[in-house]
């Protein structure tokens, strides 16, 4: 009986780990609307820290909304590498 209890315990722990990992990964892959996202949300993009996130906000305030996701590369400091790392997550 002790072995059965141990197996059930391990199975429960593995299940919880899978659920928590799945939730974490799913939120990491959420889409980010670069026309509406605040600095904090923009910082969730790969290779985008506070400085670049603020530049994205300032760019859209000055130039109006982005018309296409790839226009993020018009922001100073946001280049092809950042675009490639995030192109599946960026929306307008």
C-alpha atoms as a PDB file:
ATOM      1  CA  UNK A   1       0.000   0.000   0.000  1.00  0.00           C
ATOM      2  CA  UNK A   2       2.861   2.357   0.757  1.00  0.00           C
ATOM      3  CA  UNK A   3       4.196   2.011  -2.811  1.00  0.00           C
ATOM      4  CA  UNK A   4       0.755   2.815  -4.243  1.00  0.00           C
ATOM      5  CA  UNK A   5       0.493   5.947  -2.103  1.00  0.00           C
ATOM      6  CA  UNK A   6       3.922   7.067  -3.247  1.00  0.00           C
ATOM      7  CA  UNK A   7       2.989   6.560  -6.913  1.00  0.00           C
ATOM      8  CA  UNK A   8      -0.233   8.535  -6.479  1.00  0.00           C
ATOM      9  CA  UNK A   9       1.675  11.315  -4.731  1.00  0.00           C
ATOM     10  CA  UNK A  10       4.232  11.491  -7.551  1.00  0.00           C
ATOM     11  CA  UNK A  11       1.463  11.446 -10.181  1.00  0.00           C
ATOM     12  CA  UNK A  12      -0.308  14.336  -8.468  1.00  0.00           C
ATOM     13  CA  UNK A  13       2.909  16.366  -8.283  1.00  0.00           C
ATOM     14  CA  UNK A  14       3.697  15.731 -11.951  1.00  0.00           C
ATOM     15  CA  UNK A  15       0.163  16.741 -12.950  1.00  0.00           C
ATOM     16  CA  UNK A  16       0.402  19.974 -10.978  1.00  0.00           C
ATOM     17  CA  UNK A  17       3.800  20.735 -12.527  1.00  0.00           C
ATOM     18  CA  UNK A  18       2.421  20.180 -16.030  1.00  0.00           C
ATOM     19  CA  UNK A  19      -0.562  22.433 -15.369  1.00  0.00           C
ATOM     20  CA  UNK A  20       1.577  25.223 -13.926  1.00  0.00           C
ATOM     21  CA  UNK A  21       4.150  24.985 -16.709  1.00  0.00           C
ATOM     22  CA  UNK A  22       1.447  25.046 -19.371  1.00  0.00           C
ATOM     23  CA  UNK A  23      -0.122  28.137 -17.842  1.00  0.00           C
ATOM     24  CA  UNK A  24       3.234  29.887 -17.657  1.00  0.00           C
ATOM     25  CA  UNK A  25       4.141  29.085 -21.241  1.00  0.00           C
ATOM     26  CA  UNK A  26       0.722  30.045 -22.554  1.00  0.00           C
ATOM     27  CA  UNK A  27       0.899  33.488 -20.971  1.00  0.00           C
ATOM     28  CA  UNK A  28       4.418  33.972 -22.310  1.00  0.00           C
ATOM     29  CA  UNK A  29       3.056  33.471 -25.811  1.00  0.00           C
ATOM     30  CA  UNK A  30       0.147  35.921 -25.516  1.00  0.00           C
ATOM     31  CA  UNK A  31      -0.292  38.352 -28.384  1.00  0.00           C
ATOM     32  CA  UNK A  32       0.778  41.940 -27.748  1.00  0.00           C
ATOM     33  CA  UNK A  33      -1.053  44.755 -29.510  1.00  0.00           C
ATOM     34  CA  UNK A  34       1.643  47.370 -30.052  1.00  0.00           C
ATOM     35  CA  UNK A  35      -1.007  50.058 -30.565  1.00  0.00           C
ATOM     36  CA  UNK A  36      -2.617  49.632 -27.148  1.00  0.00           C
ATOM     37  CA  UNK A  37      -0.157  47.821 -24.878  1.00  0.00           C
ATOM     38  CA  UNK A  38       1.288  49.762 -21.942  1.00  0.00           C
ATOM     39  CA  UNK A  39       5.018  49.732 -21.245  1.00  0.00           C
ATOM     40  CA  UNK A  40       4.686  46.797 -18.833  1.00  0.00           C
ATOM     41  CA  UNK A  41       3.054  44.578 -21.453  1.00  0.00           C
ATOM     42  CA  UNK A  42       5.472  45.616 -24.198  1.00  0.00           C
ATOM     43  CA  UNK A  43       8.313  44.536 -21.918  1.00  0.00           C
ATOM     44  CA  UNK A  44       6.996  40.965 -22.133  1.00  0.00           C
ATOM     45  CA  UNK A  45       8.280  40.833 -25.698  1.00  0.00           C
ATOM     46  CA  UNK A  46      11.677  39.218 -26.180  1.00  0.00           C
ATOM     47  CA  UNK A  47      14.555  41.704 -26.374  1.00  0.00           C
ATOM     48  CA  UNK A  48      12.323  44.625 -25.253  1.00  0.00           C
ATOM     49  CA  UNK A  49      13.194  46.268 -21.962  1.00  0.00           C
ATOM     50  CA  UNK A  50      11.766  49.360 -20.299  1.00  0.00           C
ATOM     51  CA  UNK A  51      13.694  51.773 -22.523  1.00  0.00           C
ATOM     52  CA  UNK A  52      12.542  50.225 -25.802  1.00  0.00           C
ATOM     53  CA  UNK A  53       8.995  49.727 -24.531  1.00  0.00           C
ATOM     54  CA  UNK A  54       8.843  53.442 -23.710  1.00  0.00           C
ATOM     55  CA  UNK A  55      10.159  54.265 -27.194  1.00  0.00           C
ATOM     56  CA  UNK A  56       7.360  52.178 -28.740  1.00  0.00           C
ATOM     57  CA  UNK A  57       4.751  54.124 -26.748  1.00  0.00           C
ATOM     58  CA  UNK A  58       6.347  57.472 -27.651  1.00  0.00           C
ATOM     59  CA  UNK A  59       6.558  56.488 -31.326  1.00  0.00           C
ATOM     60  CA  UNK A  60       2.854  55.653 -31.550  1.00  0.00           C
ATOM     61  CA  UNK A  61       1.904  58.835 -29.647  1.00  0.00           C
ATOM     62  CA  UNK A  62       3.934  60.928 -32.094  1.00  0.00           C
ATOM     63  CA  UNK A  63       3.141  59.066 -35.348  1.00  0.00           C
ATOM     64  CA  UNK A  64      -0.247  57.505 -34.679  1.00  0.00           C
ATOM     65  CA  UNK A  65      -1.052  53.813 -34.562  1.00  0.00           C
ATOM     66  CA  UNK A  66       1.088  51.217 -36.282  1.00  0.00           C
ATOM     67  CA  UNK A  67      -0.569  50.024 -39.495  1.00  0.00           C
ATOM     68  CA  UNK A  68       1.318  46.722 -39.646  1.00  0.00           C
ATOM     69  CA  UNK A  69       3.191  44.741 -36.983  1.00  0.00           C
ATOM     70  CA  UNK A  70       6.528  44.979 -38.802  1.00  0.00           C
ATOM     71  CA  UNK A  71       6.407  48.779 -38.493  1.00  0.00           C
ATOM     72  CA  UNK A  72       7.753  48.237 -34.979  1.00  0.00           C
ATOM     73  CA  UNK A  73      11.155  48.253 -36.680  1.00  0.00           C
ATOM     74  CA  UNK A  74      10.640  51.998 -37.296  1.00  0.00           C
ATOM     75  CA  UNK A  75      11.209  52.524 -33.568  1.00  0.00           C
ATOM     76  CA  UNK A  76      14.822  53.456 -32.784  1.00  0.00           C
ATOM     77  CA  UNK A  77      16.625  50.413 -31.405  1.00  0.00           C
ATOM     78  CA  UNK A  78      14.058  47.869 -32.570  1.00  0.00           C
ATOM     79  CA  UNK A  79      15.648  45.969 -35.419  1.00  0.00           C
ATOM     80  CA  UNK A  80      15.266  42.803 -37.408  1.00  0.00           C
ATOM     81  CA  UNK A  81      16.445  40.527 -34.567  1.00  0.00           C
ATOM     82  CA  UNK A  82      13.790  41.860 -32.210  1.00  0.00           C
ATOM     83  CA  UNK A  83      11.168  41.631 -34.953  1.00  0.00           C
ATOM     84  CA  UNK A  84      12.111  38.030 -35.771  1.00  0.00           C
ATOM     85  CA  UNK A  85      12.003  37.067 -32.097  1.00  0.00           C
ATOM     86  CA  UNK A  86       8.482  38.446 -31.681  1.00  0.00           C
ATOM     87  CA  UNK A  87       6.751  38.469 -35.067  1.00  0.00           C
ATOM     88  CA  UNK A  88       4.326  35.708 -34.062  1.00  0.00           C
ATOM     89  CA  UNK A  89       3.230  37.640 -30.979  1.00  0.00           C
ATOM     90  CA  UNK A  90       2.951  41.222 -32.247  1.00  0.00           C
ATOM     91  CA  UNK A  91      -0.438  42.400 -33.526  1.00  0.00           C
ATOM     92  CA  UNK A  92      -1.983  45.771 -34.391  1.00  0.00           C
END
